[in-house]
Amino acid sequence: MKARKASAWLLVAAILAAGSPIAGQGPLLVPEIELVWTAGEALLSIVTGYIAGKAIDKVRGEDTETQLKKVIPRLESQINKSNVNRKAVENALAVAQQELKIAQKLRTGGATKAELAKYRQELTTDIETIKTTLQEHERHLADHDRQLAEQGKLIQKQGEKLEDFEHRLDQRQTPPTVRVPPDRGPAPRRPSYGPAGELTIEVRGAANSIHLREANHPVRMGRFRISQSRSQAAYFFSPSNRVVIELFAPDNHIFMPSYLASQVQIVSNGWHYETLVY
């Protein structure tokens, strides 16, 4: 009987693994694309300020150029990987390369007013391209998350059917006069969103990228802490939940779809940060 149960479970697992379109899919987009956006925002701010008569922020420009030089090789290495959205990476790579040319031109100086106006237009267009890319990525993530939720329900149903099948086998093989129902323990709890809750994120590291997304699966509310610097973190929450992000360090970037912005409160404590809503 035990051998038959084990074989049945292995058969179900094999069917589910073979039929799953999302098994091992991994991330659909690399986080470097978000860094390309922040670099574009920084360059656009520098160019716009210079056109208005301000001095070029050379330190910020050099930092942005250094960041782009690190991001471009990472994007190039991602293009042929099977677990990423190739089109999105190619778009981000083209934008990053264009941004790097502008950053280098600003560093060397000598740009005319006409060139600066051209740079401003190019950067504005590039930022919109990245924004569109992120919006498409959110749709991919939503579909991916929905498939995961549906697959979880399918696995649960298969398990319930298998338990029912085993139960009927036990009834057939055990004489009624001595039959003892198997002790299966407490019934498994079904996942649910539960009542509205609060997600609190304490950001104690600098220059982190925090991405907020809507979940199609149960999520755990509570308090989470980002203590390291320059890390990537994604948090999921349902429409009934509230999010509070409290900053204890500077230069963090917070990404979120526009329809989630009303649920998020940012307590900056005086630290500089950027909110990128798309």
Protein backbone atom coordinates (compact mmCIF):
# COMPACT_ATOMS: atom_id res chain seq x y z
CA MET A 1 0.00 0.00 0.00
CA LYS A 2 2.81 2.43 0.90
CA ALA A 3 4.59 1.64 -2.35
CA ARG A 4 1.42 2.36 -4.32
CA LYS A 5 0.93 5.70 -2.50
CA ALA A 6 4.51 6.74 -3.15
CA SER A 7 4.22 5.82 -6.81
CA ALA A 8 1.00 7.78 -7.12
CA TRP A 9 2.58 10.86 -5.58
CA LEU A 10 5.59 10.57 -7.93
CA LEU A 11 3.24 10.26 -10.90
CA VAL A 12 1.36 13.42 -9.91
CA ALA A 13 4.62 15.30 -9.37
CA ALA A 14 5.94 14.19 -12.75
CA ILE A 15 2.77 15.25 -14.55
CA LEU A 16 2.75 18.65 -12.88
CA ALA A 17 6.43 19.26 -13.55
CA ALA A 18 6.16 18.24 -17.19
CA GLY A 19 3.02 20.28 -17.80
CA SER A 20 4.05 23.46 -16.05
CA PRO A 21 4.81 26.34 -18.44
CA ILE A 22 6.48 28.37 -15.70
CA ALA A 23 8.64 25.82 -13.91
CA GLY A 24 12.15 27.22 -13.51
CA GLN A 25 11.25 30.37 -15.46
CA GLY A 26 12.91 32.73 -13.02
CA PRO A 27 12.85 36.53 -13.28
CA LEU A 28 11.48 38.04 -16.46
CA LEU A 29 13.60 41.17 -16.22
CA VAL A 30 16.92 42.07 -14.64
CA PRO A 31 17.03 44.85 -12.00
CA GLU A 32 19.71 46.73 -13.99
CA ILE A 33 16.93 48.17 -16.15
CA GLU A 34 15.68 50.13 -13.16
CA LEU A 35 19.20 51.52 -12.70
CA VAL A 36 19.20 52.73 -16.32
CA TRP A 37 16.07 54.71 -15.48
CA THR A 38 17.65 56.38 -12.44
CA ALA A 39 20.76 57.23 -14.51
CA GLY A 40 18.56 58.87 -17.15
CA GLU A 41 16.71 60.88 -14.50
CA ALA A 42 20.04 62.09 -13.08
CA LEU A 43 21.40 63.14 -16.50
CA LEU A 44 18.16 64.90 -17.41
CA SER A 45 18.33 66.86 -14.15
CA ILE A 46 21.95 67.87 -14.88
CA VAL A 47 21.21 68.95 -18.46
CA THR A 48 18.03 70.85 -17.53
CA GLY A 49 19.86 72.66 -14.73
CA TYR A 50 22.75 73.61 -17.03
CA ILE A 51 20.36 75.00 -19.67
CA ALA A 52 18.78 77.09 -16.91
CA GLY A 53 22.18 78.57 -16.04
CA LYS A 54 23.34 76.28 -13.24
CA ALA A 55 26.81 74.76 -13.11
CA ILE A 56 27.16 71.11 -14.13
CA ASP A 57 27.16 68.81 -11.11
CA LYS A 58 30.40 67.04 -12.08
CA VAL A 59 30.37 64.67 -9.10
CA ARG A 60 26.86 63.47 -9.85
CA GLY A 61 27.70 63.21 -13.55
CA GLU A 62 30.82 61.13 -12.88
CA ASP A 63 28.90 58.86 -10.52
CA THR A 64 26.22 58.34 -13.19
CA GLU A 65 28.88 57.61 -15.84
CA THR A 66 30.53 55.06 -13.53
CA GLN A 67 27.17 53.42 -12.85
CA LEU A 68 26.41 53.13 -16.58
CA LYS A 69 29.82 51.61 -17.31
CA LYS A 70 29.02 48.88 -14.79
CA VAL A 71 25.43 48.35 -15.93
CA ILE A 72 26.11 48.03 -19.68
CA PRO A 73 28.29 44.85 -19.46
CA ARG A 74 25.75 43.26 -17.12
CA LEU A 75 22.95 43.97 -19.59
CA GLU A 76 25.02 42.58 -22.45
CA SER A 77 25.62 39.37 -20.51
CA GLN A 78 21.87 38.96 -19.91
CA ILE A 79 20.66 39.21 -23.52
CA ASN A 80 21.11 35.55 -24.46
CA LYS A 81 19.89 34.10 -21.17
CA SER A 82 16.65 32.14 -21.38
CA ASN A 83 15.12 33.48 -18.17
CA VAL A 84 14.88 37.15 -19.15
CA ASN A 85 12.74 39.27 -21.43
CA ARG A 86 15.20 39.77 -24.31
CA LYS A 87 13.37 42.69 -25.90
CA ALA A 88 13.27 44.58 -22.61
CA VAL A 89 16.99 44.04 -22.02
CA GLU A 90 17.86 45.15 -25.57
CA ASN A 91 15.80 48.33 -25.14
CA ALA A 92 17.50 49.10 -21.84
CA LEU A 93 20.95 48.41 -23.31
CA ALA A 94 20.37 50.83 -26.19
CA VAL A 95 19.19 53.51 -23.75
CA ALA A 96 22.15 52.93 -21.41
CA GLN A 97 24.64 53.25 -24.28
CA GLN A 98 23.04 56.52 -25.37
CA GLU A 99 23.07 57.81 -21.80
CA LEU A 100 26.75 56.96 -21.46
CA LYS A 101 27.61 59.01 -24.56
CA ILE A 102 25.75 62.00 -23.11
CA ALA A 103 27.42 61.59 -19.70
CA GLN A 104 30.89 61.49 -21.33
CA LYS A 105 30.10 64.56 -23.44
CA LEU A 106 28.97 66.48 -20.35
CA ARG A 107 32.15 65.51 -18.50
CA THR A 108 34.46 66.71 -21.28
CA GLY A 109 32.51 69.96 -21.68
CA GLY A 110 32.05 72.07 -24.77
CA ALA A 111 28.45 71.13 -25.52
CA THR A 112 26.54 73.84 -27.36
CA LYS A 113 23.05 75.02 -26.41
CA ALA A 114 21.67 73.18 -29.44
CA GLU A 115 23.39 69.97 -28.32
CA LEU A 116 22.11 70.37 -24.79
CA ALA A 117 18.55 70.83 -26.06
CA LYS A 118 19.02 67.69 -28.17
CA TYR A 119 20.31 65.76 -25.14
CA ARG A 120 17.30 66.86 -23.10
CA GLN A 121 14.91 65.62 -25.77
CA GLU A 122 16.79 62.31 -26.15
CA LEU A 123 16.84 61.72 -22.41
CA THR A 124 13.14 62.52 -22.09
CA THR A 125 12.37 59.99 -24.85
CA ASP A 126 14.70 57.38 -23.32
CA ILE A 127 13.09 57.72 -19.90
CA GLU A 128 9.67 57.18 -21.47
CA THR A 129 11.04 54.08 -23.21
CA ILE A 130 12.23 52.64 -19.90
CA LYS A 131 8.92 53.54 -18.25
CA THR A 132 7.04 51.67 -20.99
CA THR A 133 9.41 48.72 -20.60
CA LEU A 134 8.71 48.57 -16.87
CA GLN A 135 4.96 48.75 -17.45
CA GLU A 136 5.17 45.80 -19.84
CA HIS A 137 7.33 44.00 -17.30
CA GLU A 138 4.69 44.51 -14.61
CA ARG A 139 2.14 42.87 -16.90
CA HIS A 140 4.51 39.95 -17.43
CA LEU A 141 5.00 39.66 -13.66
CA ALA A 142 1.26 39.77 -13.05
CA ASP A 143 0.70 36.98 -15.59
CA HIS A 144 3.57 34.98 -14.11
CA ASP A 145 2.25 35.42 -10.58
CA ARG A 146 -1.27 34.48 -11.70
CA GLN A 147 0.05 31.29 -13.31
CA LEU A 148 1.89 30.41 -10.11
CA ALA A 149 -1.30 30.89 -8.11
CA GLU A 150 -3.27 28.73 -10.57
CA GLN A 151 -0.59 26.05 -10.48
CA GLY A 152 -0.72 26.06 -6.68
CA LYS A 153 -4.47 25.50 -6.80
CA LEU A 154 -3.99 22.67 -9.31
CA ILE A 155 -1.42 20.98 -7.07
CA GLN A 156 -3.77 21.29 -4.10
CA LYS A 157 -6.67 19.78 -6.07
CA GLN A 158 -4.49 16.91 -7.26
CA GLY A 159 -3.42 16.25 -3.69
CA GLU A 160 -7.04 16.23 -2.50
CA LYS A 161 -8.03 13.82 -5.28
CA LEU A 162 -5.12 11.55 -4.41
CA GLU A 163 -6.04 11.53 -0.72
CA ASP A 164 -9.62 10.65 -1.62
CA PHE A 165 -8.37 7.84 -3.86
CA GLU A 166 -6.15 6.46 -1.07
CA HIS A 167 -9.04 6.68 1.38
CA ARG A 168 -11.29 4.63 -0.91
CA LEU A 169 -8.51 2.05 -1.35
CA ASP A 170 -8.20 1.77 2.43
CA GLN A 171 -11.94 1.17 2.71
CA ARG A 172 -11.83 -1.63 0.14
CA GLN A 173 -8.82 -3.42 1.61
CA THR A 174 -9.72 -3.18 5.33
CA PRO A 175 -12.57 -5.39 6.69
CA PRO A 176 -15.42 -3.19 7.98
CA THR A 177 -15.41 -4.90 11.41
CA VAL A 178 -11.81 -3.86 12.17
CA ARG A 179 -11.49 -0.74 10.06
CA VAL A 180 -9.67 2.13 11.79
CA PRO A 181 -9.70 5.44 9.96
CA PRO A 182 -6.15 6.65 9.29
CA ASP A 183 -5.02 9.56 11.39
CA ARG A 184 -4.31 12.28 8.89
CA GLY A 185 -3.83 15.00 11.46
CA PRO A 186 -5.43 18.44 11.16
CA ALA A 187 -6.74 19.43 7.74
CA PRO A 188 -4.32 21.63 5.79
CA ARG A 189 -5.13 25.30 5.92
CA ARG A 190 -6.14 26.85 2.66
CA PRO A 191 -4.24 30.03 1.78
CA SER A 192 -6.18 33.26 2.01
CA TYR A 193 -5.44 36.95 1.95
CA GLY A 194 -6.99 37.48 5.34
CA PRO A 195 -7.94 40.88 6.74
CA ALA A 196 -6.19 44.09 5.78
CA GLY A 197 -2.72 44.37 7.24
CA GLU A 198 0.34 46.60 7.15
CA LEU A 199 3.73 45.98 5.60
CA THR A 200 6.48 48.11 7.16
CA ILE A 201 9.87 48.31 5.46
CA GLU A 202 12.78 49.83 7.40
CA VAL A 203 15.53 50.89 5.00
CA ARG A 204 18.77 51.22 6.93
CA GLY A 205 21.11 50.87 3.94
CA ALA A 206 21.88 53.49 1.29
CA ALA A 207 21.29 53.39 -2.49
CA ASN A 208 18.87 50.47 -2.45
CA SER A 209 16.24 49.72 -5.11
CA ILE A 210 12.83 48.78 -3.67
CA HIS A 211 10.14 47.52 -6.02
CA LEU A 212 6.51 47.23 -4.89
CA ARG A 213 4.11 44.97 -6.79
CA GLU A 214 0.54 43.74 -6.45
CA ALA A 215 0.24 40.07 -5.51
CA ASN A 216 -2.08 37.42 -6.89
CA HIS A 217 -1.12 35.09 -4.05
CA PRO A 218 -1.33 35.25 -0.24
CA VAL A 219 1.24 37.60 1.26
CA ARG A 220 2.67 37.97 4.75
CA MET A 221 2.39 41.36 6.41
CA GLY A 222 4.78 42.52 9.10
CA ARG A 223 8.03 44.45 9.52
CA PHE A 224 10.99 43.89 7.24
CA ARG A 225 14.41 45.52 7.33
CA ILE A 226 16.92 46.25 4.57
CA SER A 227 20.20 46.68 6.38
CA GLN A 228 22.68 46.36 3.51
CA SER A 229 23.44 48.98 0.87
CA ARG A 230 22.95 48.77 -2.91
CA SER A 231 20.61 45.80 -2.75
CA GLN A 232 17.52 44.96 -4.81
CA ALA A 233 14.31 44.10 -2.95
CA ALA A 234 10.78 43.34 -4.19
CA TYR A 235 7.68 43.24 -1.99
CA PHE A 236 4.20 42.01 -2.93
CA PHE A 237 0.95 43.11 -1.30
CA SER A 238 -2.76 42.87 -1.99
CA PRO A 239 -5.20 45.76 -2.58
CA SER A 240 -6.41 45.52 1.04
CA ASN A 241 -2.95 46.10 2.51
CA ARG A 242 -1.07 49.26 3.43
CA VAL A 243 2.68 49.83 3.07
CA VAL A 244 4.89 52.13 5.12
CA ILE A 245 8.51 52.66 4.07
CA GLU A 246 10.70 54.39 6.65
CA LEU A 247 14.12 55.59 5.52
CA PHE A 248 17.15 55.73 7.77
CA ALA A 249 19.73 56.26 4.99
CA PRO A 250 19.95 58.34 1.77
CA ASP A 251 19.70 57.79 -2.00
CA ASN A 252 17.18 54.96 -2.12
CA HIS A 253 14.92 54.39 -5.14
CA ILE A 254 11.32 53.22 -4.76
CA PHE A 255 9.55 51.80 -7.82
CA MET A 256 5.79 51.15 -7.98
CA PRO A 257 2.88 51.11 -10.45
CA SER A 258 0.75 54.26 -10.25
CA TYR A 259 -2.34 52.34 -9.10
CA LEU A 260 -0.52 51.23 -5.93
CA ALA A 261 0.86 54.65 -4.98
CA SER A 262 -2.15 55.61 -2.84
CA GLN A 263 -1.50 52.62 -0.54
CA VAL A 264 2.13 53.55 0.15
CA GLN A 265 3.41 56.03 2.74
CA ILE A 266 7.08 57.03 2.74
CA VAL A 267 8.60 58.39 5.96
CA SER A 268 11.87 59.94 4.78
CA ASN A 269 13.19 61.24 8.14
CA GLY A 270 14.88 63.98 6.09
CA TRP A 271 16.85 61.62 3.82
CA HIS A 272 16.94 62.13 0.05
CA TYR A 273 15.15 59.48 -2.02
CA GLU A 274 13.47 59.07 -5.41
CA THR A 275 10.01 57.63 -6.06
CA LEU A 276 9.57 56.32 -9.59
CA VAL A 277 5.91 55.74 -10.43
CA TYR A 278 4.98 54.26 -13.80
